PDB file of N, CA and C in Angstrom:
ATOM      1  N   MET A   1      16.684  -0.883  13.830  1.00  0.00           N
ATOM      2  CA  MET A   1      18.077  -1.136  12.691  1.00  0.00           C
ATOM      3  C   MET A   1      19.102  -0.301  13.883  1.00  0.00           C
ATOM      4  N   LEU A   2      19.560  -0.726  13.716  1.00  0.00           N
ATOM      5  CA  LEU A   2      21.302   0.049  13.817  1.00  0.00           C
ATOM      6  C   LEU A   2      22.427  -0.212  13.640  1.00  0.00           C
ATOM      7  N   ILE A   3      22.955   0.591  12.693  1.00  0.00           N
ATOM      8  CA  ILE A   3      23.831   0.605  11.834  1.00  0.00           C
ATOM      9  C   ILE A   3      24.964   2.271  12.322  1.00  0.00           C
ATOM     10  N   ASP A   4      26.353   1.038  12.795  1.00  0.00           N
ATOM     11  CA  ASP A   4      27.659   2.568  13.005  1.00  0.00           C
ATOM     12  C   ASP A   4      27.227   3.034  14.246  1.00  0.00           C
ATOM     13  N   GLY A   5      25.892   2.731  15.198  1.00  0.00           N
ATOM     14  CA  GLY A   5      25.629   3.350  16.633  1.00  0.00           C
ATOM     15  C   GLY A   5      24.711   4.589  16.235  1.00  0.00           C
ATOM     16  N   HIS A   6      23.972   4.410  15.084  1.00  0.00           N
ATOM     17  CA  HIS A   6      22.614   5.421  14.953  1.00  0.00           C
ATOM     18  C   HIS A   6      21.217   4.618  14.723  1.00  0.00           C
ATOM     19  N   SER A   7      20.706   4.566  15.021  1.00  0.00           N
ATOM     20  CA  SER A   7      19.063   3.997  15.585  1.00  0.00           C
ATOM     21  C   SER A   7      18.650   4.706  14.039  1.00  0.00           C
ATOM     22  N   ILE A   8      18.137   3.355  12.921  1.00  0.00           N
ATOM     23  CA  ILE A   8      17.794   3.578  12.060  1.00  0.00           C
ATOM     24  C   ILE A   8      16.448   3.369  11.904  1.00  0.00           C
ATOM     25  N   GLU A   9      14.638   4.269  11.508  1.00  0.00           N
ATOM     26  CA  GLU A   9      13.326   3.354  11.517  1.00  0.00           C
ATOM     27  C   GLU A   9      13.276   3.514  10.404  1.00  0.00           C
ATOM     28  N   ILE A  10      12.095   2.260   9.624  1.00  0.00           N
ATOM     29  CA  ILE A  10      12.074   2.107   8.505  1.00  0.00           C
ATOM     30  C   ILE A  10      10.528   1.897   8.399  1.00  0.00           C
ATOM     31  N   GLY A  11      10.046   2.885   8.050  1.00  0.00           N
ATOM     32  CA  GLY A  11       8.366   2.201   7.882  1.00  0.00           C
ATOM     33  C   GLY A  11       8.256   1.913   6.170  1.00  0.00           C
ATOM     34  N   CYS A  12       7.324   1.317   6.413  1.00  0.00           N
ATOM     35  CA  CYS A  12       5.865   0.937   4.790  1.00  0.00           C
ATOM     36  C   CYS A  12       4.809   1.343   5.197  1.00  0.00           C
ATOM     37  N   SER A  13       4.239   1.711   3.807  1.00  0.00           N
ATOM     38  CA  SER A  13       2.715   1.761   3.349  1.00  0.00           C
ATOM     39  C   SER A  13       2.405   0.604   2.123  1.00  0.00           C
ATOM     40  N   VAL A  14       1.287   0.259   2.463  1.00  0.00           N
ATOM     41  CA  VAL A  14       1.634  -0.979   1.106  1.00  0.00           C
ATOM     42  C   VAL A  14      -0.208  -0.837   0.797  1.00  0.00           C
ATOM     43  N   GLY A  15      -0.042  -0.705  -0.930  1.00  0.00           N
ATOM     44  CA  GLY A  15      -1.678  -0.399  -1.419  1.00  0.00           C
ATOM     45  C   GLY A  15      -1.867  -2.442  -2.045  1.00  0.00           C
ATOM     46  N   ALA A  16      -2.665  -2.765  -1.760  1.00  0.00           N
ATOM     47  CA  ALA A  16      -3.115  -4.242  -2.528  1.00  0.00           C
ATOM     48  C   ALA A  16      -4.199  -4.064  -3.515  1.00  0.00           C
ATOM     49  N   ALA A  17      -4.208  -4.960  -4.920  1.00  0.00           N
ATOM     50  CA  ALA A  17      -5.414  -5.003  -5.294  1.00  0.00           C
ATOM     51  C   ALA A  17      -5.056  -6.689  -6.207  1.00  0.00           C
ATOM     52  N   ARG A  18      -6.259  -7.606  -6.143  1.00  0.00           N
ATOM     53  CA  ARG A  18      -6.523  -8.539  -6.305  1.00  0.00           C
ATOM     54  C   ARG A  18      -7.016  -8.795  -8.035  1.00  0.00           C
ATOM     55  N   TRP A  19      -6.446  -9.353  -8.563  1.00  0.00           N
ATOM     56  CA  TRP A  19      -6.544  -9.513 -10.415  1.00  0.00           C
ATOM     57  C   TRP A  19      -7.210 -11.586 -10.079  1.00  0.00           C
ATOM     58  N   PRO A  20      -8.224 -11.909 -10.771  1.00  0.00           N
ATOM     59  CA  PRO A  20      -9.281 -10.765 -11.089  1.00  0.00           C
ATOM     60  C   PRO A  20      -9.941 -10.336 -10.249  1.00  0.00           C
ATOM     61  N   ASP A  21     -10.352 -10.409  -8.746  1.00  0.00           N
ATOM     62  CA  ASP A  21     -11.627 -10.390  -8.202  1.00  0.00           C
ATOM     63  C   ASP A  21     -12.107  -8.769  -8.041  1.00  0.00           C
ATOM     64  N   ASP A  22     -10.787  -8.190  -8.428  1.00  0.00           N
ATOM     65  CA  ASP A  22     -10.823  -6.623  -8.107  1.00  0.00           C
ATOM     66  C   ASP A  22     -11.867  -5.805  -9.234  1.00  0.00           C
ATOM     67  N   ASP A  23     -10.974  -6.383 -10.457  1.00  0.00           N
ATOM     68  CA  ASP A  23     -10.831  -6.156 -11.506  1.00  0.00           C
ATOM     69  C   ASP A  23     -10.538  -7.168 -12.784  1.00  0.00           C
ATOM     70  N   PRO A  24     -11.041  -7.636 -13.734  1.00  0.00           N
ATOM     71  CA  PRO A  24     -10.524  -8.108 -14.830  1.00  0.00           C
ATOM     72  C   PRO A  24      -9.656  -7.956 -15.788  1.00  0.00           C
ATOM     73  N   ASP A  25      -9.177  -6.545 -15.831  1.00  0.00           N
ATOM     74  CA  ASP A  25      -8.279  -5.852 -16.670  1.00  0.00           C
ATOM     75  C   ASP A  25      -6.886  -5.357 -15.623  1.00  0.00           C
ATOM     76  N   PRO A  26      -5.689  -6.065 -16.164  1.00  0.00           N
ATOM     77  CA  PRO A  26      -4.747  -5.821 -15.389  1.00  0.00           C
ATOM     78  C   PRO A  26      -3.979  -4.529 -15.080  1.00  0.00           C
ATOM     79  N   ILE A  27      -4.239  -3.728 -15.495  1.00  0.00           N
ATOM     80  CA  ILE A  27      -4.020  -2.136 -16.143  1.00  0.00           C
ATOM     81  C   ILE A  27      -4.842  -1.673 -14.912  1.00  0.00           C
ATOM     82  N   SER A  28      -6.414  -1.525 -14.793  1.00  0.00           N
ATOM     83  CA  SER A  28      -6.850  -1.214 -13.581  1.00  0.00           C
ATOM     84  C   SER A  28      -6.857  -1.901 -12.320  1.00  0.00           C
ATOM     85  N   VAL A  29      -6.364  -3.057 -12.507  1.00  0.00           N
ATOM     86  CA  VAL A  29      -5.670  -3.488 -11.273  1.00  0.00           C
ATOM     87  C   VAL A  29      -4.608  -2.892 -10.338  1.00  0.00           C
ATOM     88  N   ILE A  30      -3.650  -2.899 -11.234  1.00  0.00           N
ATOM     89  CA  ILE A  30      -2.602  -1.893 -10.591  1.00  0.00           C
ATOM     90  C   ILE A  30      -2.707   0.007 -10.313  1.00  0.00           C
ATOM     91  N   ARG A  31      -3.522   0.481 -11.483  1.00  0.00           N
ATOM     92  CA  ARG A  31      -4.483   1.579 -11.085  1.00  0.00           C
ATOM     93  C   ARG A  31      -5.119   1.820  -9.210  1.00  0.00           C
ATOM     94  N   LYS A  32      -5.964   0.790  -9.238  1.00  0.00           N
ATOM     95  CA  LYS A  32      -6.661   0.560  -8.019  1.00  0.00           C
ATOM     96  C   LYS A  32      -5.348   0.029  -6.975  1.00  0.00           C
ATOM     97  N   ALA A  33      -4.287  -0.710  -6.736  1.00  0.00           N
ATOM     98  CA  ALA A  33      -3.194  -0.742  -6.140  1.00  0.00           C
ATOM     99  C   ALA A  33      -3.029   0.460  -6.008  1.00  0.00           C
ATOM    100  N   ASP A  34      -2.482   1.175  -7.062  1.00  0.00           N
ATOM    101  CA  ASP A  34      -1.511   2.435  -6.961  1.00  0.00           C
ATOM    102  C   ASP A  34      -2.725   3.227  -6.075  1.00  0.00           C
ATOM    103  N   GLU A  35      -3.995   3.283  -5.764  1.00  0.00           N
ATOM    104  CA  GLU A  35      -4.410   4.519  -5.537  1.00  0.00           C
ATOM    105  C   GLU A  35      -4.710   3.959  -3.561  1.00  0.00           C
ATOM    106  N   ALA A  36      -5.006   3.075  -3.084  1.00  0.00           N
ATOM    107  CA  ALA A  36      -5.074   1.763  -2.249  1.00  0.00           C
ATOM    108  C   ALA A  36      -3.537   2.140  -1.785  1.00  0.00           C
ATOM    109  N   LEU A  37      -2.112   2.368  -2.101  1.00  0.00           N
ATOM    110  CA  LEU A  37      -1.214   2.866  -2.011  1.00  0.00           C
ATOM    111  C   LEU A  37      -1.125   3.873  -0.817  1.00  0.00           C
ATOM    112  N   TYR A  38      -1.925   4.952  -1.735  1.00  0.00           N
ATOM    113  CA  TYR A  38      -1.781   6.488  -1.708  1.00  0.00           C
ATOM    114  C   TYR A  38      -3.005   6.750  -0.457  1.00  0.00           C
ATOM    115  N   ARG A  39      -4.047   5.539  -0.530  1.00  0.00           N
ATOM    116  CA  ARG A  39      -5.368   5.667   1.198  1.00  0.00           C
ATOM    117  C   ARG A  39      -4.446   5.418   1.744  1.00  0.00           C
ATOM    118  N   SER A  40      -3.206   4.210   1.697  1.00  0.00           N
ATOM    119  CA  SER A  40      -2.408   4.037   2.934  1.00  0.00           C
ATOM    120  C   SER A  40      -1.824   4.989   3.748  1.00  0.00           C
ATOM    121  N   LYS A  41      -0.941   5.568   2.565  1.00  0.00           N
ATOM    122  CA  LYS A  41      -0.529   7.158   3.624  1.00  0.00           C
ATOM    123  C   LYS A  41      -0.766   8.173   3.891  1.00  0.00           C
ATOM    124  N   ARG A  42      -2.670   8.356   3.392  1.00  0.00           N
ATOM    125  CA  ARG A  42      -3.162   9.435   3.821  1.00  0.00           C
ATOM    126  C   ARG A  42      -3.855   9.512   5.096  1.00  0.00           C
ATOM    127  N   GLU A  43      -3.729   7.203   5.545  1.00  0.00           N
ATOM    128  CA  GLU A  43      -4.882   7.422   6.580  1.00  0.00           C
ATOM    129  C   GLU A  43      -3.529   7.272   7.585  1.00  0.00           C
ATOM    130  N   GLY A  44      -2.271   7.578   7.321  1.00  0.00           N
ATOM    131  CA  GLY A  44      -1.172   6.879   8.273  1.00  0.00           C
ATOM    132  C   GLY A  44       0.151   6.865   8.881  1.00  0.00           C
ATOM    133  N   LYS A  45       0.277   6.600   7.202  1.00  0.00           N
ATOM    134  CA  LYS A  45       1.319   5.708   6.910  1.00  0.00           C
ATOM    135  C   LYS A  45       1.143   4.165   7.535  1.00  0.00           C
ATOM    136  N   ASN A  46       2.312   3.690   7.346  1.00  0.00           N
ATOM    137  CA  ASN A  46       2.739   2.248   7.916  1.00  0.00           C
ATOM    138  C   ASN A  46       1.887   1.338   8.030  1.00  0.00           C
ATOM    139  N   ARG A  47       0.533   1.350   7.292  1.00  0.00           N
ATOM    140  CA  ARG A  47      -0.346  -0.026   7.152  1.00  0.00           C
ATOM    141  C   ARG A  47      -0.197  -0.484   5.550  1.00  0.00           C
ATOM    142  N   VAL A  48      -1.316  -1.676   5.809  1.00  0.00           N
ATOM    143  CA  VAL A  48      -1.669  -2.087   4.212  1.00  0.00           C
ATOM    144  C   VAL A  48      -3.143  -1.562   4.078  1.00  0.00           C
ATOM    145  N   THR A  49      -3.488  -1.502   2.808  1.00  0.00           N
ATOM    146  CA  THR A  49      -4.569  -1.313   2.831  1.00  0.00           C
ATOM    147  C   THR A  49      -5.089  -1.916   1.130  1.00  0.00           C
ATOM    148  N   PHE A  50      -6.085  -2.461   1.193  1.00  0.00           N
ATOM    149  CA  PHE A  50      -6.301  -3.344   0.178  1.00  0.00           C
ATOM    150  C   PHE A  50      -7.244  -2.394  -0.858  1.00  0.00           C
ATOM    151  N   ALA A  51      -7.513  -2.726  -2.432  1.00  0.00           N
ATOM    152  CA  ALA A  51      -7.777  -1.816  -3.230  1.00  0.00           C
ATOM    153  C   ALA A  51      -9.681  -2.696  -2.489  1.00  0.00           C
ATOM    154  N   GLY A  52     -10.614  -1.601  -2.957  1.00  0.00           N
ATOM    155  CA  GLY A  52     -12.279  -1.996  -2.515  1.00  0.00           C
ATOM    156  C   GLY A  52     -12.535  -1.906  -1.256  1.00  0.00           C
ATOM    157  N   LYS A  53     -11.813  -1.120  -0.420  1.00  0.00           N
ATOM    158  CA  LYS A  53     -11.588  -1.120   1.824  1.00  0.00           C
ATOM    159  C   LYS A  53     -11.836   0.172   2.060  1.00  0.00           C
ATOM    160  N   GLU A  54     -12.719   1.000   2.054  1.00  0.00           N
ATOM    161  CA  GLU A  54     -12.975   2.277   2.140  1.00  0.00           C
ATOM    162  C   GLU A  54     -12.109   2.216   3.983  1.00  0.00           C
ATOM    163  N   GLY A  55     -12.133   3.156   4.411  1.00  0.00           N
ATOM    164  CA  GLY A  55     -12.127   3.733   5.474  1.00  0.00           C
ATOM    165  C   GLY A  55     -10.936   3.410   6.500  1.00  0.00           C
TER     166      GLY A  55
END
C-alpha cells in the first residue's frame, strides 16, 4: 500500500475454530480459535491456522 509516498506493508495472522465441529461449547470454540491464532503467530505470522490442526 502506498500512502503519501510511503510504502506500507500489512500482515495478518488468523486463528479459526468451527462450531460445533471443534467443540459444542461456544466458549471453548472461542478459546480454541484464540489458541490457533497464537499458533499462527509462533509459526511465522501471516498465516491461517485452524483449531485441531497441528504442525
